[in-house]
Structures are given as C-alpha cells and as structure tokens.
Amino acid sequence: MQTAGFRRLTLALGTTLGAALALAPLSAPFAAPAAGAYVAPLAADGHPDLSGYWSNATLTPMVRDPKLGDRLAYTPAEAKALESDEAHQVEVGNKRTDPDAPVNAPNGLELKPSFLAAGGDVGGYNRGWLDPGHTVMRVGGEPRTSLITTRDGRVPPRKTAAAVSAGYGTEGGEGSHAPLGSFDNPENRPLSERCIMFGGNVGPPMIPNGFYNNDYNIVQTRDAVAIQVEMVHDTRIVRLNAKHRADDVRPWFGDSIGWWDGDTLVVETNHIPQKQAFQGAWKDLTITERFTRTAKDRLRYSFTISAPSSWDKPWGGEYEFAPLHGVIYEYACNEGNYALPGILAGARAAEKARADKAATGAEQ
C-alpha cells in the first residue's frame, strides 16, 4: 500500500501445478553472487549502497506447499499461471460491493490464510484493500516455491525435548490458559493487537506477511544501518563494528550488530525477547542476515536461524527485495485501534454473564 489513507488500517487479528522439476536438495541459503557480477554504487561510507525504499511483497509463501516436495522452483509456466490468477483475484476483488448482498456471500475470491488472519474480505475489509504482492519471488531470476531453503522448504522439526516458549502460538504470555490467550489485561494480549509490533515484518528474520505493508526504508551510515518497517512504523537499528551487549536485557527486535564481508552486509542478532520468539525459539536464538546488492533493482536477503536447544543444526532462507515505487507513510496504528478495547470489553461482558448465571443458580 502506498497511499496515506491505507496507513490508518489496523490489523484486527488476522492452476494446477505441472510436472515436477528435479533440483538438488538445499539445506542452507545460497551464497552471495560472485564478485564482479554486478558493481553496486557506493554510499558515503565507501560500501555498497543498500539504502532506499524496498519491498518484499510476494506470492511466494515462507513455507512450501507439501505437494511440491523438494522442488525449490516453479517452472516458468507455473509462475505465470500463479501471477495471472492473482491479477484475476485483484480484478474481481476491486469490483463494487453489492450493499444488499448477504454477509459473507460467495464472491469467487480465494480466501488465503493470510487474508483471513488480516480479517480481509470476510468482515475486515474487501480485497481491494489488500496488497500481498502480485509476483512469484525470483532469486537470481529463479521463481521460488518458498522463502525457506531447507530441502522440503519447511521449518525443520524441533527437538522433542526443546521447551516451547510461553505463549508461543497464542501469544498469551505467562499464564496463558486458552487457545486465544489471556484476556485479563492489555499486557496479556498479542503485540500486534497492542500496536507494538508485527514481528514477522520487522524481524529478524524479515518475513512478508501475505496481506499488506511489506515495505521498508533502509538508511545507511558509517556507524549504523537503520531499517524502517512500514508495518506499525518499527525501526530496527543495526550497530556496525560493535559488540553484543553482555547483560540479559532483551530489547524489542533483539540486539543487532553488523559488519561488512566484502560487498555483503552481515547482521547478527541475539538477545531476542520471549514475546518475540521465532517458531518457539528465543533464549539461545541467533539470527544471521546477509544483504547483498545484486542489481540496480534487486537486494538479495538471506537469513540463518540457529537455536541449539530447538534444532540440531542451523537452517534458513532467502529472497530478493525489489524497489518500492513510492515512499513509506505513517502507519497510525494506535489512533484507529478499536479492536483492543473491544476485545477486553467483550471479555468483561462474558465474565459478567457467567457471574450473573452463577448467582441466579445459587438463588435457586
């Protein structure tokens, strides 16, 4: 989304494929392109210029469809079919809504899981307000079936003895006792409901959310790199040529330090807070990201996940940012956040109803 009005949207809580393409298994992200393939312009600090407005919006999911097995890439025909179908979805979704149509009337649109998570087209707002991306992700020109680059394109199984962080999957936090978490107070609700952050976008790792606002602004200096994220206007600061903090304080987005490895910016993050656990890991989680300018209009991004208590070995993924043809406007989340007070008010009403019912039963 690139208009100011879109910034005021609040996240509420929310082709048949052809013959298989034989590919060698991949257990880790690809290496950066060979030196000399593309000479990036230099920033004031003398390193390749990564700055500017970028987008990682894409039709390619983070996790591969199991039906695709070990296939890293689509065929050109498959990618074209997916993109044509998306164009059709946009065309249908942008048609005028019949005000007399019944609630949730069939409209011919594909209800993707990411759309449902955003409340889109089924109560939140219709398809015209969503911008998940319109193209399959290309890496080195290859149309990818997933952003994760493990052999099957999926998150590796966790160790059976690994403890899942409190609140993982529900974001209920300590004391969470129900699938939707605790409704006792605002601090027990998910970070997205509270307009604090949408963890997937800001990262690390930085993962497109599948519905909108997958846009970034990178500002590069000699001493730091700032990554501004459109979703909830978060900004992650990477301190260059620095050391990790020695205490156990865990700031939002963790503690990120960076250095240049030739033409690639390497960013290492640890000290991830429990509320920002990635796939359940946080305490011993280290995420290593690599940013390489591979073309005038491409910025290669890869990430490696390491958490010895959760996985036997590191794993990761990669994709390429494309230019954002516009700028990032303010994301005014709190000003339009009617969801949180409504959710808490609903919980209080439910509590009162239970109390009233109990009192009536006692009187009888």
Protein backbone atom coordinates (compact mmCIF):
# COMPACT_ATOMS: atom_id res chain seq x y z
CA MET A 1 0.00 0.00 0.00
CA GLN A 2 1.32 3.39 -0.90
CA THR A 3 -1.37 5.94 -0.05
CA ALA A 4 -1.66 7.82 3.23
CA GLY A 5 -5.19 6.58 3.81
CA PHE A 6 -4.02 2.99 3.91
CA ARG A 7 -1.76 3.73 6.84
CA ARG A 8 -4.74 4.05 9.12
CA LEU A 9 -5.80 0.50 8.63
CA THR A 10 -5.46 -1.65 11.75
CA LEU A 11 -4.79 -5.35 11.71
CA ALA A 12 -7.72 -6.90 13.61
CA LEU A 13 -6.42 -10.40 14.28
CA GLY A 14 -5.93 -11.83 11.18
CA THR A 15 -3.52 -23.55 -11.70
CA THR A 16 -2.83 -26.82 -11.13
CA LEU A 17 0.93 -27.29 -10.98
CA GLY A 18 2.75 -29.10 -13.75
CA ALA A 19 5.32 -31.88 -13.75
CA ALA A 20 7.98 -31.88 -11.07
CA LEU A 21 11.26 -30.13 -11.68
CA ALA A 22 14.27 -32.11 -10.45
CA LEU A 23 16.52 -29.98 -8.27
CA ALA A 24 19.44 -30.69 -5.98
CA PRO A 25 18.46 -30.54 -2.28
CA LEU A 26 19.26 -27.33 -0.47
CA SER A 27 19.77 -27.18 3.27
CA ALA A 28 21.04 -23.63 3.63
CA PRO A 29 20.64 -20.29 1.85
CA PHE A 30 22.55 -19.72 -1.34
CA ALA A 31 25.86 -17.92 -1.17
CA ALA A 32 26.04 -14.30 -2.31
CA PRO A 33 26.57 -13.78 -6.04
CA ALA A 34 30.13 -13.98 -7.30
CA ALA A 35 32.10 -10.78 -7.18
CA GLY A 36 32.08 -8.91 -10.46
CA ALA A 37 28.58 -9.97 -11.43
CA TYR A 38 27.25 -6.53 -10.54
CA VAL A 39 29.04 -3.44 -9.25
CA ALA A 40 26.80 -1.61 -6.83
CA PRO A 41 27.03 2.16 -6.35
CA LEU A 42 28.87 3.18 -3.21
CA ALA A 43 27.38 5.05 -0.28
CA ALA A 44 29.16 7.80 1.62
CA ASP A 45 30.74 5.19 3.90
CA GLY A 46 32.51 3.60 0.91
CA HIS A 47 30.44 0.40 0.99
CA PRO A 48 27.74 -0.74 -1.47
CA ASP A 49 24.68 1.45 -1.20
CA LEU A 50 21.78 -0.54 0.26
CA SER A 51 19.70 2.50 1.12
CA GLY A 52 16.31 3.38 -0.26
CA TYR A 53 12.75 2.15 -0.28
CA TRP A 54 12.31 -1.60 -0.81
CA SER A 55 9.52 -4.16 -0.80
CA ASN A 56 9.45 -7.93 -0.16
CA ALA A 57 5.77 -8.38 -1.09
CA THR A 58 5.39 -11.67 -2.94
CA LEU A 59 3.06 -14.52 -3.80
CA THR A 60 5.72 -16.99 -2.65
CA PRO A 61 4.98 -18.23 0.87
CA MET A 62 7.53 -18.63 3.61
CA VAL A 63 6.76 -22.38 3.84
CA ARG A 64 6.46 -24.58 0.74
CA ASP A 65 3.27 -26.38 -0.16
CA PRO A 66 3.89 -30.06 0.81
CA LYS A 67 2.58 -31.12 -2.62
CA LEU A 68 5.72 -29.60 -4.18
CA GLY A 69 8.08 -31.84 -2.20
CA ASP A 70 11.74 -30.90 -2.66
CA ARG A 71 11.14 -28.52 -5.57
CA LEU A 72 12.93 -25.24 -4.99
CA ALA A 73 11.45 -23.50 -8.04
CA TYR A 74 8.34 -23.33 -10.18
CA THR A 75 8.51 -23.82 -13.92
CA PRO A 76 8.07 -20.58 -15.90
CA ALA A 77 4.60 -21.73 -16.91
CA GLU A 78 3.60 -22.36 -13.30
CA ALA A 79 4.86 -18.97 -12.16
CA LYS A 80 2.97 -17.28 -14.98
CA ALA A 81 -0.22 -19.12 -14.07
CA LEU A 82 0.04 -18.08 -10.43
CA GLU A 83 0.60 -14.46 -11.35
CA SER A 84 -2.27 -14.48 -13.85
CA ASP A 85 -4.58 -15.89 -11.21
CA GLU A 86 -3.52 -13.15 -8.78
CA ALA A 87 -4.31 -10.50 -11.39
CA HIS A 88 -7.78 -12.07 -11.76
CA GLN A 89 -8.26 -12.04 -7.99
CA VAL A 90 -7.44 -8.33 -7.87
CA GLU A 91 -9.81 -7.59 -10.75
CA VAL A 92 -12.68 -9.45 -9.09
CA GLY A 93 -11.91 -8.05 -5.66
CA ASN A 94 -11.90 -4.46 -6.86
CA LYS A 95 -15.44 -4.66 -8.20
CA ARG A 96 -18.10 -2.66 -6.41
CA THR A 97 -19.58 -4.48 -3.44
CA ASP A 98 -23.33 -5.00 -3.58
CA PRO A 99 -24.69 -3.32 -0.41
CA ASP A 100 -27.65 -5.72 -0.41
CA ALA A 101 -25.56 -8.88 -0.62
CA PRO A 102 -25.80 -11.18 2.41
CA VAL A 103 -22.90 -11.32 4.85
CA ASN A 104 -20.04 -13.50 3.59
CA ALA A 105 -21.77 -14.12 0.28
CA PRO A 106 -19.55 -16.10 -2.16
CA ASN A 107 -17.66 -13.71 -4.41
CA GLY A 108 -15.28 -16.00 -6.32
CA LEU A 109 -12.19 -14.91 -4.39
CA GLU A 110 -9.59 -17.20 -2.92
CA LEU A 111 -9.63 -16.84 0.87
CA LYS A 112 -5.93 -17.22 1.58
CA PRO A 113 -4.93 -17.95 5.19
CA SER A 114 -3.03 -14.67 5.34
CA PHE A 115 -6.17 -12.79 4.27
CA LEU A 116 -8.19 -14.48 6.97
CA ALA A 117 -5.55 -13.52 9.54
CA ALA A 118 -5.94 -9.90 8.47
CA GLY A 119 -9.72 -10.04 8.63
CA GLY A 120 -9.80 -9.33 4.90
CA ASP A 121 -12.79 -9.96 2.67
CA VAL A 122 -14.71 -11.70 5.42
CA GLY A 123 -15.53 -8.78 7.67
CA GLY A 124 -12.45 -6.59 7.97
CA TYR A 125 -12.28 -5.05 4.51
CA ASN A 126 -12.54 -6.33 0.97
CA ARG A 127 -9.83 -7.50 -1.46
CA GLY A 128 -9.15 -4.06 -2.86
CA TRP A 129 -7.52 -3.00 0.40
CA LEU A 130 -5.07 -5.90 0.48
CA ASP A 131 -1.65 -5.87 -1.18
CA PRO A 132 0.08 -9.24 -0.69
CA GLY A 133 2.27 -8.89 -3.78
CA HIS A 134 1.49 -9.77 -7.38
CA THR A 135 4.54 -11.79 -8.45
CA VAL A 136 6.30 -15.00 -7.51
CA MET A 137 9.60 -14.35 -5.71
CA ARG A 138 12.61 -14.60 -8.04
CA VAL A 139 16.07 -15.23 -6.63
CA GLY A 140 18.72 -14.89 -9.30
CA GLY A 141 15.83 -15.00 -11.77
CA GLU A 142 14.55 -18.33 -10.44
CA PRO A 143 10.86 -18.40 -9.38
CA ARG A 144 10.88 -19.87 -5.88
CA THR A 145 8.28 -22.10 -4.28
CA SER A 146 9.15 -20.96 -0.75
CA LEU A 147 11.30 -18.45 1.07
CA ILE A 148 12.72 -21.17 3.32
CA THR A 149 15.54 -23.06 1.61
CA THR A 150 15.59 -26.31 3.59
CA ARG A 151 15.25 -29.43 1.44
CA ASP A 152 11.47 -29.54 1.74
CA GLY A 153 11.04 -25.78 2.12
CA ARG A 154 9.61 -26.15 5.60
CA VAL A 155 10.67 -25.41 9.17
CA PRO A 156 12.75 -28.35 10.46
CA PRO A 157 11.25 -30.45 13.27
CA ARG A 158 12.11 -29.17 16.71
CA LYS A 159 13.97 -31.32 19.19
CA THR A 160 11.47 -33.34 21.20
CA ALA A 161 12.98 -32.12 24.46
CA ALA A 162 13.01 -28.46 23.43
CA ALA A 163 10.70 -26.34 25.55
CA VAL A 164 8.30 -24.14 23.62
CA SER A 165 8.36 -20.59 24.92
CA ALA A 166 5.39 -19.48 26.99
CA GLY A 167 2.69 -18.03 24.83
CA TYR A 168 4.06 -19.37 21.54
CA GLY A 169 1.25 -19.97 19.12
CA THR A 170 -1.20 -18.00 21.24
CA GLU A 171 0.94 -15.01 22.26
CA GLY A 172 -0.87 -15.31 25.56
CA GLY A 173 2.32 -14.95 27.58
CA GLU A 174 2.81 -16.26 31.10
CA GLY A 175 -0.28 -17.92 32.47
CA SER A 176 -1.91 -18.36 29.11
CA HIS A 177 -4.62 -20.97 29.56
CA ALA A 178 -6.72 -20.83 26.40
CA PRO A 179 -6.14 -21.04 22.63
CA LEU A 180 -6.61 -17.27 22.33
CA GLY A 181 -4.54 -16.41 25.38
CA SER A 182 -5.47 -14.42 28.45
CA PHE A 183 -7.91 -11.50 28.37
CA ASP A 184 -7.15 -10.30 31.91
CA ASN A 185 -5.39 -7.09 30.85
CA PRO A 186 -3.84 -5.40 27.79
CA GLU A 187 -0.35 -6.67 28.60
CA ASN A 188 -1.51 -10.26 28.08
CA ARG A 189 -2.72 -9.64 24.55
CA PRO A 190 -0.58 -10.18 21.42
CA LEU A 191 1.90 -7.49 20.43
CA SER A 192 0.04 -6.85 17.17
CA GLU A 193 -3.23 -6.19 18.98
CA ARG A 194 -1.43 -3.65 21.14
CA CYS A 195 0.16 -1.91 18.14
CA ILE A 196 3.66 -2.64 19.47
CA MET A 197 4.96 -4.69 16.54
CA PHE A 198 4.09 -7.20 13.88
CA GLY A 199 7.04 -9.48 14.42
CA GLY A 200 7.19 -11.17 11.02
CA ASN A 201 7.78 -7.96 9.12
CA VAL A 202 10.27 -6.28 11.40
CA GLY A 203 12.10 -9.48 12.29
CA PRO A 204 14.65 -10.70 12.40
CA PRO A 205 14.19 -12.53 10.13
CA MET A 206 12.14 -10.16 7.99
CA ILE A 207 9.27 -12.17 6.50
CA PRO A 208 6.48 -10.76 4.29
CA ASN A 209 3.10 -11.10 5.96
CA GLY A 210 0.98 -12.00 2.92
CA PHE A 211 -1.55 -9.21 3.21
CA TYR A 212 -0.12 -5.68 3.08
CA ASN A 213 2.51 -3.10 4.10
CA ASN A 214 5.56 -5.22 3.24
CA ASP A 215 7.65 -2.11 2.68
CA TYR A 216 10.96 -0.92 4.10
CA ASN A 217 13.25 2.11 4.15
CA ILE A 218 16.96 1.40 4.68
CA VAL A 219 19.15 4.26 5.91
CA GLN A 220 22.87 3.58 5.87
CA THR A 221 25.67 5.44 7.69
CA ARG A 222 29.25 4.66 8.67
CA ASP A 223 28.28 3.61 12.19
CA ALA A 224 24.80 2.15 11.83
CA VAL A 225 22.13 0.91 9.45
CA ALA A 226 18.50 1.68 10.25
CA ILE A 227 15.72 -0.46 8.79
CA GLN A 228 12.35 1.26 8.99
CA VAL A 229 9.37 -1.06 8.53
CA GLU A 230 6.05 0.25 7.31
CA MET A 231 4.03 -2.15 9.46
CA VAL A 232 3.50 -0.27 12.73
CA HIS A 233 6.37 2.11 11.86
CA ASP A 234 9.00 -0.01 13.65
CA THR A 235 12.68 0.82 13.12
CA ARG A 236 15.46 -1.67 13.77
CA ILE A 237 18.93 -0.25 14.43
CA VAL A 238 21.99 -2.29 13.43
CA ARG A 239 25.16 -1.10 15.17
CA LEU A 240 28.17 -1.57 12.89
CA ASN A 241 31.52 -2.90 14.08
CA ALA A 242 30.14 -3.22 17.61
CA LYS A 243 29.89 -5.95 20.23
CA HIS A 244 26.77 -7.60 21.58
CA ARG A 245 25.55 -6.45 24.96
CA ALA A 246 26.86 -8.55 27.85
CA ASP A 247 23.74 -8.48 30.04
CA ASP A 248 20.47 -10.35 29.60
CA VAL A 249 18.37 -7.31 28.73
CA ARG A 250 16.28 -8.22 25.67
CA PRO A 251 15.09 -5.18 23.72
CA TRP A 252 12.42 -5.35 21.04
CA PHE A 253 13.92 -6.84 17.83
CA GLY A 254 16.87 -8.14 19.88
CA ASP A 255 20.44 -6.83 19.83
CA SER A 256 21.66 -6.40 16.23
CA ILE A 257 25.28 -5.79 15.28
CA GLY A 258 26.69 -5.72 11.77
CA TRP A 259 29.86 -5.76 9.71
CA TRP A 260 30.85 -5.81 6.04
CA ASP A 261 32.06 -9.03 4.45
CA GLY A 262 33.27 -7.74 1.10
CA ASP A 263 30.19 -6.32 -0.61
CA THR A 264 27.77 -8.02 1.77
CA LEU A 265 26.40 -6.54 4.98
CA VAL A 266 26.22 -9.23 7.65
CA VAL A 267 23.88 -8.67 10.59
CA GLU A 268 23.86 -10.87 13.68
CA THR A 269 21.05 -10.63 16.22
CA ASN A 270 20.62 -12.27 19.62
CA HIS A 271 19.01 -11.25 22.93
CA ILE A 272 15.58 -11.88 21.38
CA PRO A 273 12.75 -11.20 23.87
CA GLN A 274 10.45 -14.07 24.79
CA LYS A 275 7.41 -12.28 23.37
CA GLN A 276 9.20 -12.13 20.01
CA ALA A 277 10.06 -15.84 19.86
CA PHE A 278 10.58 -17.15 16.32
CA GLN A 279 9.00 -20.56 15.73
CA GLY A 280 9.09 -21.01 19.50
CA ALA A 281 12.81 -20.26 19.95
CA TRP A 282 14.16 -17.19 21.72
CA LYS A 283 16.54 -17.76 24.64
CA ASP A 284 19.51 -19.14 22.66
CA LEU A 285 18.29 -17.88 19.29
CA THR A 286 20.78 -16.22 16.95
CA ILE A 287 19.71 -14.93 13.55
CA THR A 288 22.32 -14.06 10.92
CA GLU A 289 21.19 -11.97 7.96
CA ARG A 290 23.09 -11.07 4.80
CA PHE A 291 22.27 -8.15 2.50
CA THR A 292 23.86 -8.02 -0.97
CA ARG A 293 23.05 -5.59 -3.77
CA THR A 294 22.83 -7.85 -6.84
CA ALA A 295 21.34 -5.47 -9.41
CA LYS A 296 20.06 -1.94 -9.76
CA ASP A 297 16.63 -3.15 -8.76
CA ARG A 298 17.45 -6.17 -6.53
CA LEU A 299 18.70 -6.56 -2.98
CA ARG A 300 19.47 -10.18 -2.02
CA TYR A 301 18.49 -11.07 1.55
CA SER A 302 19.24 -14.31 3.35
CA PHE A 303 18.79 -15.45 6.93
CA THR A 304 20.16 -18.31 9.01
CA ILE A 305 18.43 -19.50 12.20
CA SER A 306 20.48 -21.05 14.98
CA ALA A 307 19.00 -22.23 18.29
CA PRO A 308 20.77 -25.36 19.63
CA SER A 309 18.04 -26.09 22.16
CA SER A 310 15.41 -26.19 19.42
CA TRP A 311 17.13 -27.55 16.27
CA ASP A 312 20.07 -29.88 15.68
CA LYS A 313 21.57 -27.62 13.04
CA PRO A 314 21.06 -24.14 11.57
CA TRP A 315 18.55 -23.59 8.78
CA GLY A 316 17.32 -20.60 6.84
CA GLY A 317 16.00 -18.99 3.70
CA GLU A 318 16.42 -16.20 1.20
CA TYR A 319 14.64 -13.85 -1.17
CA GLU A 320 15.25 -10.57 -3.04
CA PHE A 321 13.85 -7.16 -2.23
CA ALA A 322 12.54 -5.12 -5.16
CA PRO A 323 12.27 -1.31 -5.28
CA LEU A 324 9.20 0.26 -3.74
CA HIS A 325 7.84 2.75 -6.24
CA GLY A 326 6.88 5.32 -3.63
CA VAL A 327 7.66 6.16 -0.04
CA ILE A 328 6.53 4.90 3.35
CA TYR A 329 3.81 6.89 5.03
CA GLU A 330 2.97 6.92 8.72
CA TYR A 331 1.25 3.80 9.98
CA ALA A 332 -1.14 5.25 12.57
CA CYS A 333 -2.00 2.05 14.40
CA ASN A 334 -2.94 3.24 17.88
CA GLU A 335 -5.20 6.04 16.67
CA GLY A 336 -7.51 3.58 14.94
CA ASN A 337 -7.09 0.63 17.31
CA TYR A 338 -10.67 -0.08 18.31
CA ALA A 339 -10.01 -3.81 18.44
CA LEU A 340 -8.18 -3.96 21.78
CA PRO A 341 -10.76 -2.14 23.94
CA GLY A 342 -13.49 -4.07 22.16
CA ILE A 343 -11.79 -7.40 22.89
CA LEU A 344 -11.29 -6.56 26.56
CA ALA A 345 -14.83 -5.20 26.88
CA GLY A 346 -16.15 -8.43 25.38
CA ALA A 347 -14.20 -10.43 27.94
CA ARG A 348 -15.62 -8.36 30.78
CA ALA A 349 -19.14 -8.83 29.41
CA ALA A 350 -18.59 -12.58 29.22
CA GLU A 351 -17.33 -12.62 32.80
CA LYS A 352 -20.38 -10.69 33.98
CA ALA A 353 -22.69 -13.05 32.13
CA ARG A 354 -21.06 -16.05 33.82
CA ALA A 355 -21.24 -14.36 37.22
CA ASP A 356 -24.90 -13.48 36.71
CA LYS A 357 -25.68 -17.05 35.67
CA ALA A 358 -23.86 -18.41 38.72
CA ALA A 359 -25.70 -16.01 41.02
CA THR A 360 -29.06 -16.99 39.53
CA GLY A 361 -28.26 -20.66 40.00
CA ALA A 362 -27.26 -20.08 43.64
CA GLU A 363 -30.53 -18.28 44.36
CA GLN A 364 -32.48 -21.19 43.01
